[in-house]
Amino acid sequence: MTTALLSLAPIVIPLAAAGLALIWGWTRVTSWGNVAASLAVLASGVGLAGQVAHPVFSVGHLLRADTLTAVMLIVIGGVGTLATWSSIDYIGAELAEGATTAAGARQYATLVPLFLAAMSLAVLADNLGVIWTAIEATTVATAFLVGHRRTRQSLEATWKYVIVCSFGITVAFLGTVVIYLASIHAGAPASSALNLDVLAAHAGRFDPALTRLAVGFLFVGFGAKAGLVPFHTWIADAHSQAPGPVSALMSGVLLSVAFSILLRLRVISDLALGDGYMRVMFLTVGLATLLVAVSLLVGQRDLKRLLAYSSIEQMGLLAVASASPNRLASAGVLLLIAAHGMAKAVLFLTAGQLQHAHHSSLIADIRGLLARSRLLGTTFAVGLIGLLGLPPFGLFAAEIAIARGMAADELAVPLGAAALLLAVGFIAVTRHGTGMLLGSSQRDAPALAVSRTAAVPLLAGMVALTALGVVGGPVSHLFTTAAAAVGGR
């Protein structure tokens, strides 16, 4: 009963918060209601982590909860809490400056918890068709959030986002239909032929040709939502135009939620076709994604686009690492998802404050942060160090685990290629970040004042990012256990 409530809460409570916002608009109650909804998702993830270590718990054959679910809910809830808390200051400032209307604030307050509910459903759903619906719902919710400012650039980014992701989700729908056909032909009951456990149980009897076609479609479709090449083009435009808190959610969580579905798919594919089929796709697409992202990082001039391309780089690394079914590499993938989510939350929230102060997100306009603002300079520096994978932060431990796992699985060549590309990306991001932190600021540079409401999530994110890298014990065990849920061995 407790596990059932913990599984329902991440969907029901954000939906209730969205309903309140839709009725009352943006008020003090609804704004803090969104924060409470995010905290409920986080609490549910923590609660499930202690209750569903093994085996899977099912709620009416509609929802499922395992350790991967718990990890993803913790990431959604953690980043969501920072984003919704920061949104209070963001929308308040927009209303005060006349940059948005009461209707725009109501829309924002309604769509953010809907976005959280859709992502929670995507990681909790036991049925591939429901997962597909939840991912489509995230596109609908975030399309309006990307275009929140109603500028020409934001509307253009919205249309690109909708077109690319809609194409991807259409391809994923075709894959869902084909894998349903393969499941039915393998003897699965029609009413549950798309349930993840049923698919895994019957995968050994799937028709290989149908399965290869279905997995290929699903990989392309959900890979587009995860920002993998060649459907990565929407990320930089959408993340650069969306409000800072929304960018934090999209970059820190949405991409990873879509990628977690590929990890679920890997289990079914490996049972039906062996681990070679998806390994080739992961390595090919992952290395191509890394190459494209790193090349775009080198000459980048816009801070939010720089962070967006860094997200593409991390998705490429996740894909390369997921080519190995090694349990250590799989645990590193999940730790990377959590650490990257928190680092991007800190950086995008800081970038939102800098963009508001400078009325620009150009790197050349943002200089001398450490000298001009102790808070923003520190949070940006900590977020950047965490993102670059330096010790003692979580990305460092994740990359070490991935390297050891891939080496043990005799994937040294793609590991070396990925490491070389990551080194180039490291240099590019360091060069840009160092100039922003230590460069000489202009004489007319604006003051960097941060309200208490905005300062709290920045500090909390910085503390959480640091803690994720230094704490061990139960947290390490959670990632190792979750690795088994995605086929790690």
Protein backbone atom coordinates (compact mmCIF):
# COMPACT_ATOMS: atom_id res chain seq x y z
CA MET A 1 0.00 0.00 0.00
CA THR A 2 2.79 2.40 0.90
CA THR A 3 4.64 1.69 -2.33
CA ALA A 4 1.44 2.20 -4.33
CA LEU A 5 0.95 5.63 -2.74
CA LEU A 6 4.59 6.53 -3.38
CA SER A 7 4.13 5.54 -7.02
CA LEU A 8 0.96 7.58 -7.49
CA ALA A 9 2.10 10.70 -5.62
CA PRO A 10 4.61 11.94 -8.27
CA ILE A 11 1.78 12.04 -10.81
CA VAL A 12 -1.24 13.03 -8.73
CA ILE A 13 0.30 15.81 -6.63
CA PRO A 14 1.82 17.77 -9.59
CA LEU A 15 -1.51 17.41 -11.42
CA ALA A 16 -3.28 18.86 -8.38
CA ALA A 17 -0.79 21.76 -8.30
CA ALA A 18 -1.44 22.37 -12.01
CA GLY A 19 -5.18 22.43 -11.34
CA LEU A 20 -4.79 25.00 -8.58
CA ALA A 21 -2.65 27.20 -10.81
CA LEU A 22 -5.16 26.93 -13.65
CA ILE A 23 -8.00 28.04 -11.36
CA TRP A 24 -6.23 30.69 -9.27
CA GLY A 25 -3.45 31.81 -11.58
CA TRP A 26 -0.02 32.85 -10.32
CA THR A 27 -0.36 33.54 -6.59
CA ARG A 28 1.81 32.98 -3.57
CA VAL A 29 -0.15 29.81 -2.79
CA THR A 30 0.12 28.29 -6.28
CA SER A 31 3.78 29.21 -6.68
CA TRP A 32 4.69 27.45 -3.44
CA GLY A 33 2.29 24.67 -4.41
CA ASN A 34 4.53 23.95 -7.39
CA VAL A 35 7.53 23.74 -5.07
CA ALA A 36 5.58 21.37 -2.82
CA ALA A 37 4.70 19.21 -5.84
CA SER A 38 8.38 18.95 -6.78
CA LEU A 39 9.28 18.05 -3.21
CA ALA A 40 6.60 15.34 -3.33
CA VAL A 41 8.25 13.83 -6.41
CA LEU A 42 11.62 13.93 -4.66
CA ALA A 43 10.20 12.38 -1.48
CA SER A 44 8.51 9.64 -3.50
CA GLY A 45 11.80 8.79 -5.20
CA VAL A 46 13.62 8.62 -1.88
CA GLY A 47 10.82 6.52 -0.38
CA LEU A 48 10.76 4.12 -3.31
CA ALA A 49 14.55 3.77 -3.17
CA GLY A 50 14.17 2.17 0.23
CA GLN A 51 11.23 -0.08 -0.69
CA VAL A 52 11.80 -1.48 -4.17
CA ALA A 53 15.39 -2.58 -4.10
CA HIS A 54 14.30 -5.87 -5.69
CA PRO A 55 12.10 -7.09 -7.29
CA VAL A 56 9.87 -4.79 -9.31
CA PHE A 57 6.68 -3.55 -7.66
CA SER A 58 3.66 -3.20 -9.96
CA VAL A 59 0.55 -1.05 -9.44
CA GLY A 60 -2.36 -2.55 -11.34
CA HIS A 61 -0.16 -3.44 -14.36
CA LEU A 62 -0.16 0.29 -15.19
CA LEU A 63 2.74 1.60 -13.09
CA ARG A 64 5.98 -0.06 -12.06
CA ALA A 65 8.58 0.89 -9.52
CA ASP A 66 12.13 -0.38 -9.36
CA THR A 67 15.43 1.21 -8.43
CA LEU A 68 15.79 2.87 -11.84
CA THR A 69 12.39 4.48 -11.28
CA ALA A 70 13.56 5.69 -7.87
CA VAL A 71 16.75 7.20 -9.29
CA MET A 72 14.87 9.03 -12.04
CA LEU A 73 12.22 10.36 -9.62
CA ILE A 74 14.95 11.66 -7.33
CA VAL A 75 16.53 13.50 -10.27
CA ILE A 76 13.15 14.86 -11.45
CA GLY A 77 12.18 15.94 -7.95
CA GLY A 78 15.57 17.41 -7.07
CA VAL A 79 15.95 19.50 -10.21
CA GLY A 80 12.22 20.28 -10.18
CA THR A 81 12.43 21.69 -6.65
CA LEU A 82 15.26 24.03 -7.62
CA ALA A 83 13.48 25.10 -10.81
CA THR A 84 10.06 25.75 -9.24
CA TRP A 85 11.60 27.61 -6.32
CA SER A 86 13.61 29.76 -8.70
CA SER A 87 10.46 30.33 -10.79
CA ILE A 88 8.92 32.32 -7.94
CA ASP A 89 11.57 35.00 -8.37
CA TYR A 90 11.55 34.70 -12.16
CA ILE A 91 7.80 35.18 -12.66
CA GLY A 92 7.65 37.83 -9.94
CA ALA A 93 10.32 39.87 -11.74
CA GLU A 94 8.59 39.40 -15.11
CA LEU A 95 5.26 40.61 -13.72
CA ALA A 96 6.90 43.59 -12.03
CA GLU A 97 8.65 44.63 -15.24
CA GLY A 98 5.61 44.03 -17.46
CA ALA A 99 7.50 41.35 -19.41
CA THR A 100 4.62 38.93 -18.95
CA THR A 101 0.91 39.19 -18.22
CA ALA A 102 -1.23 37.55 -15.56
CA ALA A 103 -2.39 35.09 -18.23
CA GLY A 104 1.22 34.28 -19.12
CA ALA A 105 2.06 33.72 -15.46
CA ARG A 106 -0.97 31.46 -15.06
CA GLN A 107 0.11 29.43 -18.10
CA TYR A 108 3.65 29.08 -16.73
CA ALA A 109 2.41 28.03 -13.28
CA THR A 110 0.10 25.43 -14.83
CA LEU A 111 2.47 23.93 -17.37
CA VAL A 112 5.50 23.43 -15.11
CA PRO A 113 3.77 20.92 -12.76
CA LEU A 114 2.14 19.26 -15.79
CA PHE A 115 5.64 18.86 -17.18
CA LEU A 116 6.77 17.26 -13.90
CA ALA A 117 3.75 14.91 -13.88
CA ALA A 118 4.40 13.82 -17.48
CA MET A 119 8.06 13.04 -16.77
CA SER A 120 7.11 11.14 -13.62
CA LEU A 121 4.59 9.10 -15.59
CA ALA A 122 7.21 8.32 -18.23
CA VAL A 123 9.53 6.71 -15.67
CA LEU A 124 6.72 5.03 -13.70
CA ALA A 125 4.63 3.60 -16.56
CA ASP A 126 4.74 -0.16 -17.05
CA ASN A 127 3.32 0.01 -20.57
CA LEU A 128 5.33 1.17 -23.58
CA GLY A 129 2.25 2.84 -25.06
CA VAL A 130 1.73 4.86 -21.87
CA ILE A 131 5.41 5.80 -21.90
CA TRP A 132 5.02 7.05 -25.46
CA THR A 133 1.99 9.12 -24.42
CA ALA A 134 3.86 10.62 -21.46
CA ILE A 135 6.81 11.64 -23.63
CA GLU A 136 4.41 13.25 -26.10
CA ALA A 137 2.81 15.12 -23.18
CA THR A 138 6.20 16.57 -22.22
CA THR A 139 6.51 17.98 -25.74
CA VAL A 140 3.11 19.68 -25.53
CA ALA A 141 3.83 21.19 -22.09
CA THR A 142 7.33 22.41 -22.83
CA ALA A 143 6.47 23.83 -26.27
CA PHE A 144 4.49 26.61 -24.61
CA LEU A 145 7.17 27.08 -21.95
CA VAL A 146 9.92 27.48 -24.56
CA GLY A 147 7.83 30.19 -26.24
CA HIS A 148 6.95 31.87 -22.95
CA ARG A 149 8.62 35.18 -23.84
CA ARG A 150 6.66 35.46 -27.12
CA THR A 151 9.64 36.86 -29.03
CA ARG A 152 10.43 36.00 -32.61
CA GLN A 153 13.42 33.90 -31.55
CA SER A 154 11.48 31.99 -28.88
CA LEU A 155 8.61 31.23 -31.25
CA GLU A 156 11.07 30.02 -33.90
CA ALA A 157 12.73 27.79 -31.30
CA THR A 158 9.32 26.46 -30.28
CA TRP A 159 8.39 25.47 -33.81
CA LYS A 160 11.74 23.77 -34.38
CA TYR A 161 11.34 21.89 -31.09
CA VAL A 162 7.80 20.78 -31.93
CA ILE A 163 8.63 19.69 -35.48
CA VAL A 164 11.77 17.72 -34.64
CA CYS A 165 10.35 16.05 -31.53
CA SER A 166 7.01 15.32 -33.20
CA PHE A 167 8.85 13.57 -36.01
CA GLY A 168 10.78 11.58 -33.44
CA ILE A 169 7.70 10.63 -31.45
CA THR A 170 5.96 9.56 -34.68
CA VAL A 171 8.84 7.21 -35.45
CA ALA A 172 8.66 5.92 -31.87
CA PHE A 173 4.93 5.26 -32.36
CA LEU A 174 5.74 3.11 -35.39
CA GLY A 175 8.27 1.22 -33.28
CA THR A 176 5.65 0.72 -30.57
CA VAL A 177 3.20 -0.75 -33.10
CA VAL A 178 5.83 -3.10 -34.54
CA ILE A 179 7.04 -4.35 -31.16
CA TYR A 180 3.40 -4.94 -30.16
CA LEU A 181 3.05 -7.10 -33.26
CA ALA A 182 6.21 -9.03 -32.36
CA SER A 183 4.94 -9.49 -28.80
CA ILE A 184 1.54 -10.80 -29.95
CA HIS A 185 3.18 -13.25 -32.37
CA ALA A 186 5.40 -14.46 -29.51
CA GLY A 187 2.32 -15.43 -27.49
CA ALA A 188 1.91 -12.44 -25.20
CA PRO A 189 -1.66 -11.57 -24.08
CA ALA A 190 -3.13 -8.75 -26.17
CA SER A 191 -4.11 -6.73 -23.08
CA SER A 192 -0.56 -6.63 -21.72
CA ALA A 193 1.60 -7.18 -24.79
CA LEU A 194 3.29 -3.78 -24.36
CA ASN A 195 4.02 -4.13 -20.64
CA LEU A 196 7.76 -4.00 -20.01
CA ASP A 197 7.90 -7.21 -17.99
CA VAL A 198 5.75 -9.07 -20.52
CA LEU A 199 7.98 -7.85 -23.36
CA ALA A 200 11.07 -9.03 -21.48
CA ALA A 201 9.48 -12.42 -20.68
CA HIS A 202 8.57 -13.10 -24.32
CA ALA A 203 11.56 -11.40 -25.98
CA GLY A 204 13.36 -14.71 -26.54
CA ARG A 205 10.58 -15.73 -28.94
CA PHE A 206 10.34 -12.45 -30.87
CA ASP A 207 10.76 -12.53 -34.64
CA PRO A 208 14.30 -11.13 -35.18
CA ALA A 209 13.42 -9.08 -38.27
CA LEU A 210 10.41 -7.46 -36.61
CA THR A 211 12.40 -6.81 -33.46
CA ARG A 212 15.29 -5.15 -35.29
CA LEU A 213 12.82 -2.88 -37.08
CA ALA A 214 10.94 -2.04 -33.88
CA VAL A 215 14.08 -1.37 -31.83
CA GLY A 216 15.50 0.80 -34.61
CA PHE A 217 12.34 2.90 -34.76
CA LEU A 218 12.16 3.23 -30.97
CA PHE A 219 15.83 4.13 -30.73
CA VAL A 220 15.48 6.89 -33.33
CA GLY A 221 12.23 8.19 -31.84
CA PHE A 222 13.20 8.39 -28.19
CA GLY A 223 16.77 9.26 -29.17
CA ALA A 224 15.43 12.42 -30.82
CA LYS A 225 13.90 13.44 -27.50
CA ALA A 226 17.17 12.61 -25.74
CA GLY A 227 19.10 14.94 -28.06
CA LEU A 228 21.12 12.35 -29.94
CA VAL A 229 22.46 13.00 -33.45
CA PRO A 230 21.01 13.65 -35.99
CA PHE A 231 17.94 15.02 -34.15
CA HIS A 232 19.89 17.19 -31.70
CA THR A 233 19.21 20.44 -33.53
CA TRP A 234 16.28 21.53 -31.37
CA ILE A 235 18.23 21.58 -28.10
CA ALA A 236 20.36 24.70 -28.47
CA ASP A 237 17.48 26.84 -29.75
CA ALA A 238 14.97 25.60 -27.18
CA HIS A 239 17.30 25.80 -24.19
CA SER A 240 18.62 29.22 -25.14
CA GLN A 241 15.15 30.73 -25.51
CA ALA A 242 13.34 29.07 -22.61
CA PRO A 243 13.27 30.72 -19.17
CA GLY A 244 16.21 29.70 -16.96
CA PRO A 245 14.17 27.38 -14.69
CA VAL A 246 12.60 25.67 -17.71
CA SER A 247 16.02 25.24 -19.34
CA ALA A 248 17.21 23.62 -16.10
CA LEU A 249 14.32 21.13 -16.26
CA MET A 250 14.74 20.37 -19.96
CA SER A 251 18.50 19.99 -19.91
CA GLY A 252 18.89 18.48 -16.46
CA VAL A 253 15.92 16.10 -16.53
CA LEU A 254 13.95 15.78 -19.78
CA LEU A 255 16.87 14.52 -21.87
CA SER A 256 17.72 11.95 -19.20
CA VAL A 257 14.11 10.77 -18.88
CA ALA A 258 14.03 10.07 -22.61
CA PHE A 259 17.40 8.33 -22.38
CA SER A 260 16.22 6.13 -19.50
CA ILE A 261 13.61 4.69 -21.89
CA LEU A 262 16.45 3.62 -24.20
CA LEU A 263 17.99 1.83 -21.22
CA ARG A 264 14.71 -0.01 -20.67
CA LEU A 265 14.65 -0.85 -24.37
CA ARG A 266 18.18 -2.27 -24.18
CA VAL A 267 17.00 -4.97 -21.79
CA ILE A 268 14.34 -6.18 -24.23
CA SER A 269 16.62 -5.89 -27.27
CA ASP A 270 19.45 -7.82 -25.64
CA LEU A 271 17.09 -10.65 -24.70
CA ALA A 272 15.68 -10.84 -28.24
CA LEU A 273 18.72 -10.09 -30.40
CA GLY A 274 21.77 -10.32 -28.16
CA ASP A 275 23.72 -7.31 -26.96
CA GLY A 276 25.41 -6.60 -30.31
CA TYR A 277 22.50 -4.84 -32.03
CA MET A 278 21.97 -1.95 -29.63
CA ARG A 279 25.69 -1.84 -28.84
CA VAL A 280 26.42 -0.85 -32.43
CA MET A 281 23.67 1.79 -32.37
CA PHE A 282 24.80 3.21 -29.03
CA LEU A 283 28.45 3.43 -30.11
CA THR A 284 27.75 4.87 -33.58
CA VAL A 285 25.23 7.47 -32.48
CA GLY A 286 27.06 8.22 -29.24
CA LEU A 287 30.40 8.98 -30.88
CA ALA A 288 28.70 11.01 -33.63
CA THR A 289 26.84 13.01 -30.97
CA LEU A 290 30.06 13.65 -29.07
CA LEU A 291 31.84 14.79 -32.23
CA VAL A 292 29.07 17.22 -33.22
CA ALA A 293 28.67 18.62 -29.70
CA VAL A 294 32.38 19.18 -29.16
CA SER A 295 32.80 20.91 -32.53
CA LEU A 296 29.99 23.30 -31.64
CA LEU A 297 31.35 23.96 -28.15
CA VAL A 298 34.68 25.25 -29.42
CA GLY A 299 33.45 28.41 -31.14
CA GLN A 300 30.33 29.06 -29.06
CA ARG A 301 29.54 32.68 -28.13
CA ASP A 302 26.30 32.34 -26.17
CA LEU A 303 26.26 31.04 -22.59
CA LYS A 304 22.92 29.22 -22.69
CA ARG A 305 23.75 27.63 -26.04
CA LEU A 306 27.13 26.60 -24.61
CA LEU A 307 25.32 24.80 -21.79
CA ALA A 308 22.90 23.26 -24.28
CA TYR A 309 25.70 21.85 -26.44
CA SER A 310 27.32 20.55 -23.26
CA SER A 311 24.08 18.65 -22.61
CA ILE A 312 24.32 17.09 -26.07
CA GLU A 313 27.90 16.12 -25.24
CA GLN A 314 26.76 14.40 -22.04
CA MET A 315 24.01 12.54 -23.90
CA GLY A 316 26.64 11.32 -26.35
CA LEU A 317 28.76 10.06 -23.47
CA LEU A 318 25.73 8.30 -21.97
CA ALA A 319 25.11 6.57 -25.30
CA VAL A 320 28.72 5.41 -25.64
CA ALA A 321 28.76 4.16 -22.05
CA SER A 322 25.44 2.34 -22.51
CA ALA A 323 27.05 0.18 -25.19
CA SER A 324 28.55 -1.79 -22.32
CA PRO A 325 26.24 -4.07 -20.33
CA ASN A 326 28.84 -4.14 -17.58
CA ARG A 327 27.21 -3.41 -14.22
CA LEU A 328 29.86 -0.89 -13.20
CA ALA A 329 29.45 1.03 -16.47
CA SER A 330 25.65 0.97 -16.06
CA ALA A 331 25.96 2.32 -12.51
CA GLY A 332 28.23 5.05 -13.87
CA VAL A 333 25.60 5.96 -16.45
CA LEU A 334 22.97 6.44 -13.75
CA LEU A 335 25.33 8.43 -11.53
CA LEU A 336 26.19 10.58 -14.55
CA ILE A 337 22.48 11.26 -15.11
CA ALA A 338 22.04 12.43 -11.52
CA ALA A 339 25.23 14.51 -11.36
CA HIS A 340 24.68 16.09 -14.77
CA GLY A 341 21.11 16.99 -13.84
CA MET A 342 22.15 18.82 -10.70
CA ALA A 343 25.10 20.57 -12.39
CA LYS A 344 22.91 21.80 -15.24
CA ALA A 345 20.25 22.99 -12.78
CA VAL A 346 22.82 25.14 -10.96
CA LEU A 347 24.33 26.48 -14.18
CA PHE A 348 21.06 27.27 -15.98
CA LEU A 349 19.58 28.97 -12.90
CA THR A 350 22.75 31.04 -12.60
CA ALA A 351 22.65 31.77 -16.34
CA GLY A 352 19.06 32.97 -15.97
CA GLN A 353 20.14 35.48 -13.32
CA LEU A 354 23.04 36.66 -15.50
CA GLN A 355 20.83 36.99 -18.58
CA HIS A 356 18.29 39.06 -16.65
CA ALA A 357 20.98 41.39 -15.30
CA HIS A 358 22.84 41.89 -18.59
CA HIS A 359 19.81 41.64 -20.92
CA SER A 360 22.07 39.31 -22.87
CA SER A 361 23.46 35.78 -22.68
CA LEU A 362 26.52 36.48 -24.84
CA ILE A 363 29.69 35.19 -23.24
CA ALA A 364 31.56 38.37 -24.20
CA ASP A 365 29.11 40.47 -22.15
CA ILE A 366 29.52 38.41 -18.97
CA ARG A 367 32.92 38.89 -17.36
CA GLY A 368 34.46 39.03 -13.90
CA LEU A 369 31.74 37.10 -12.10
CA LEU A 370 33.83 36.18 -9.08
CA ALA A 371 34.73 39.82 -8.47
CA ARG A 372 31.23 41.19 -9.13
CA SER A 373 29.07 38.70 -7.22
CA ARG A 374 30.26 36.27 -4.60
CA LEU A 375 27.08 34.19 -4.87
CA LEU A 376 26.71 33.97 -8.66
CA GLY A 377 30.46 33.63 -9.16
CA THR A 378 30.65 30.77 -6.68
CA THR A 379 27.61 28.89 -7.95
CA PHE A 380 28.76 29.25 -11.54
CA ALA A 381 32.28 28.08 -10.64
CA VAL A 382 31.03 25.08 -8.64
CA GLY A 383 28.52 24.14 -11.34
CA LEU A 384 31.20 24.44 -14.03
CA ILE A 385 33.74 22.34 -12.09
CA GLY A 386 31.07 19.73 -11.45
CA LEU A 387 30.09 19.70 -15.14
CA LEU A 388 33.70 19.30 -16.25
CA GLY A 389 33.99 16.10 -14.23
CA LEU A 390 36.66 17.18 -11.79
CA PRO A 391 36.94 15.61 -8.33
CA PRO A 392 35.26 15.46 -5.88
CA PHE A 393 32.06 15.87 -7.91
CA GLY A 394 29.76 13.11 -9.12
CA LEU A 395 30.66 13.31 -12.80
CA PHE A 396 34.26 12.41 -11.94
CA ALA A 397 33.19 9.22 -10.14
CA ALA A 398 30.71 8.43 -12.93
CA GLU A 399 33.31 8.77 -15.67
CA ILE A 400 35.80 6.63 -13.76
CA ALA A 401 33.15 3.91 -13.34
CA ILE A 402 32.25 4.11 -17.03
CA ALA A 403 35.90 3.88 -18.09
CA ARG A 404 36.55 0.86 -15.86
CA GLY A 405 33.36 -0.87 -17.00
CA MET A 406 33.99 -0.32 -20.70
CA ALA A 407 37.62 -1.41 -20.39
CA ALA A 408 36.51 -4.61 -18.66
CA ASP A 409 34.04 -5.19 -21.50
CA GLU A 410 36.83 -4.85 -24.11
CA LEU A 411 35.57 -1.53 -25.48
CA ALA A 412 38.88 0.27 -25.15
CA VAL A 413 38.87 1.72 -28.69
CA PRO A 414 35.52 3.54 -28.49
CA LEU A 415 36.40 4.51 -24.91
CA GLY A 416 39.62 6.11 -26.15
CA ALA A 417 37.79 7.96 -28.96
CA ALA A 418 35.21 9.26 -26.48
CA ALA A 419 37.93 10.33 -24.05
CA LEU A 420 39.72 12.29 -26.79
CA LEU A 421 36.53 14.12 -27.76
CA LEU A 422 35.70 14.82 -24.12
CA ALA A 423 39.17 16.31 -23.66
CA VAL A 424 38.51 18.77 -26.49
CA GLY A 425 35.15 19.66 -24.96
CA PHE A 426 36.80 20.08 -21.56
CA ILE A 427 39.27 22.60 -22.98
CA ALA A 428 36.54 24.54 -24.80
CA VAL A 429 34.24 24.83 -21.80
CA THR A 430 37.15 25.68 -19.49
CA ARG A 431 38.30 28.46 -21.81
CA HIS A 432 34.85 30.02 -21.98
CA GLY A 433 34.16 29.56 -18.26
CA THR A 434 37.48 30.97 -17.12
CA GLY A 435 36.93 34.14 -19.11
CA MET A 436 33.50 34.62 -17.56
CA LEU A 437 34.74 34.02 -14.04
CA LEU A 438 38.07 35.85 -14.12
CA GLY A 439 37.96 38.15 -17.15
CA SER A 440 37.93 41.92 -16.86
CA SER A 441 34.39 43.27 -16.71
CA GLN A 442 33.27 46.37 -18.54
CA ARG A 443 33.03 49.64 -16.63
CA ASP A 444 29.30 49.88 -17.22
CA ALA A 445 28.64 46.25 -16.25
CA PRO A 446 25.34 45.99 -14.35
CA ALA A 447 25.12 45.11 -10.67
CA LEU A 448 24.46 41.44 -9.97
CA ALA A 449 21.85 41.57 -7.23
CA VAL A 450 20.12 38.31 -6.29
CA SER A 451 16.97 38.15 -4.18
CA ARG A 452 16.71 35.78 -1.23
CA THR A 453 14.09 33.74 -3.05
CA ALA A 454 16.47 33.17 -5.96
CA ALA A 455 19.52 32.66 -3.74
CA VAL A 456 18.10 29.70 -1.82
CA PRO A 457 17.76 27.29 -4.79
CA LEU A 458 21.18 28.32 -6.07
CA LEU A 459 22.80 27.52 -2.72
CA ALA A 460 20.76 24.34 -2.29
CA GLY A 461 21.74 23.14 -5.76
CA MET A 462 25.40 23.84 -5.09
CA VAL A 463 25.26 21.90 -1.81
CA ALA A 464 23.41 18.98 -3.45
CA LEU A 465 25.86 18.84 -6.35
CA THR A 466 28.80 18.73 -3.94
CA ALA A 467 27.15 16.18 -1.65
CA LEU A 468 26.40 13.86 -4.57
CA GLY A 469 30.10 13.67 -5.31
CA VAL A 470 31.39 13.05 -1.78
CA VAL A 471 28.71 10.91 -0.15
CA GLY A 472 28.92 7.14 -0.51
CA GLY A 473 27.25 4.19 1.19
CA PRO A 474 23.52 4.03 0.44
CA VAL A 475 23.77 6.33 -2.58
CA SER A 476 26.44 4.18 -4.24
CA HIS A 477 24.41 1.07 -3.46
CA LEU A 478 21.32 2.64 -5.06
CA PHE A 479 23.09 3.24 -8.36
CA THR A 480 24.66 -0.21 -8.35
CA THR A 481 21.29 -1.85 -7.65
CA ALA A 482 19.56 0.27 -10.29
CA ALA A 483 22.16 -0.87 -12.82
CA ALA A 484 20.74 -4.38 -12.55
CA ALA A 485 17.31 -3.06 -13.57
CA VAL A 486 18.71 -2.02 -16.94
CA GLY A 487 20.55 -5.24 -17.63
CA GLY A 488 23.86 -4.46 -15.95
CA ARG A 489 25.73 -7.62 -15.06
